[in-house]
């Protein structure tokens, strides 16, 4: 999930700081999700991140890479 989040963020040309601001979460939270495969973010945090990137949670979890 962390790698997919990072991939989507980078495709949108967003830094961790920009995403954090837009999603109203700490940049450290995004960094930890992207870099720690054992990090289990809350559903609310994931919803905020998805909304800030204009995608659904399904895209973060289930969409296969093209």
Protein backbone atom coordinates (compact mmCIF):
# COMPACT_ATOMS: atom_id res chain seq x y z
CA UNK A 1 0.00 0.00 0.00
CA UNK A 2 2.80 2.43 0.83
CA UNK A 3 4.45 1.98 -2.54
CA UNK A 4 1.13 2.54 -4.33
CA UNK A 5 0.50 5.68 -2.28
CA UNK A 6 3.95 7.01 -3.19
CA UNK A 7 3.45 6.13 -6.86
CA UNK A 8 0.11 7.95 -7.02
CA UNK A 9 1.49 10.97 -5.17
CA UNK A 10 4.45 11.21 -7.54
CA UNK A 11 2.21 10.77 -10.61
CA UNK A 12 0.28 13.80 -9.40
CA UNK A 13 3.52 15.73 -8.97
CA UNK A 14 2.92 16.21 -5.24
CA UNK A 15 5.53 16.27 -2.51
CA UNK A 16 4.84 14.65 0.83
CA UNK A 17 4.49 18.15 2.28
CA UNK A 18 1.88 19.15 -0.31
CA UNK A 19 -0.13 16.00 0.23
CA UNK A 20 0.09 16.39 3.99
CA UNK A 21 -1.23 19.94 3.79
CA UNK A 22 -4.03 19.05 1.40
CA UNK A 23 -5.06 15.95 3.42
CA UNK A 24 -4.59 17.64 6.81
CA UNK A 25 -2.23 14.95 8.11
CA UNK A 26 1.38 15.11 9.30
CA UNK A 27 4.10 14.72 6.68
CA UNK A 28 5.72 12.21 9.00
CA UNK A 29 2.59 10.05 8.73
CA UNK A 30 2.87 9.97 4.94
CA UNK A 31 6.59 9.22 5.14
CA UNK A 32 5.96 6.36 7.54
CA UNK A 33 3.15 4.87 5.42
CA UNK A 34 5.29 5.05 2.28
CA UNK A 35 8.45 3.63 3.87
CA UNK A 36 7.25 1.23 6.56
CA UNK A 37 5.38 -1.81 5.26
CA UNK A 38 4.26 -2.61 8.81
CA UNK A 39 2.57 0.77 9.32
CA UNK A 40 -1.19 0.37 9.68
CA UNK A 41 -2.81 3.78 9.09
CA UNK A 42 -6.39 4.35 10.14
CA UNK A 43 -9.17 4.17 7.58
CA UNK A 44 -9.83 7.86 8.20
CA UNK A 45 -6.23 8.76 7.36
CA UNK A 46 -6.40 6.71 4.17
CA UNK A 47 -9.71 8.36 3.23
CA UNK A 48 -8.17 11.81 3.73
CA UNK A 49 -5.14 10.91 1.60
CA UNK A 50 -7.27 9.42 -1.17
CA UNK A 51 -9.57 12.44 -1.18
CA UNK A 52 -6.63 14.85 -1.30
CA UNK A 53 -5.30 13.00 -4.36
CA UNK A 54 -8.72 12.78 -6.00
CA UNK A 55 -8.79 8.97 -6.03
CA UNK A 56 -10.80 6.26 -4.33
CA UNK A 57 -9.47 3.90 -1.68
CA UNK A 58 -9.93 1.11 -4.24
CA UNK A 59 -7.28 2.74 -6.41
CA UNK A 60 -4.77 2.75 -3.56
CA UNK A 61 -5.48 -0.87 -2.61
CA UNK A 62 -6.65 -2.75 -5.68
CA UNK A 63 -5.78 -1.08 -8.99
CA UNK A 64 -3.05 -2.95 -10.78
CA UNK A 65 -0.21 -1.07 -12.38
CA UNK A 66 -0.61 -0.55 -16.10
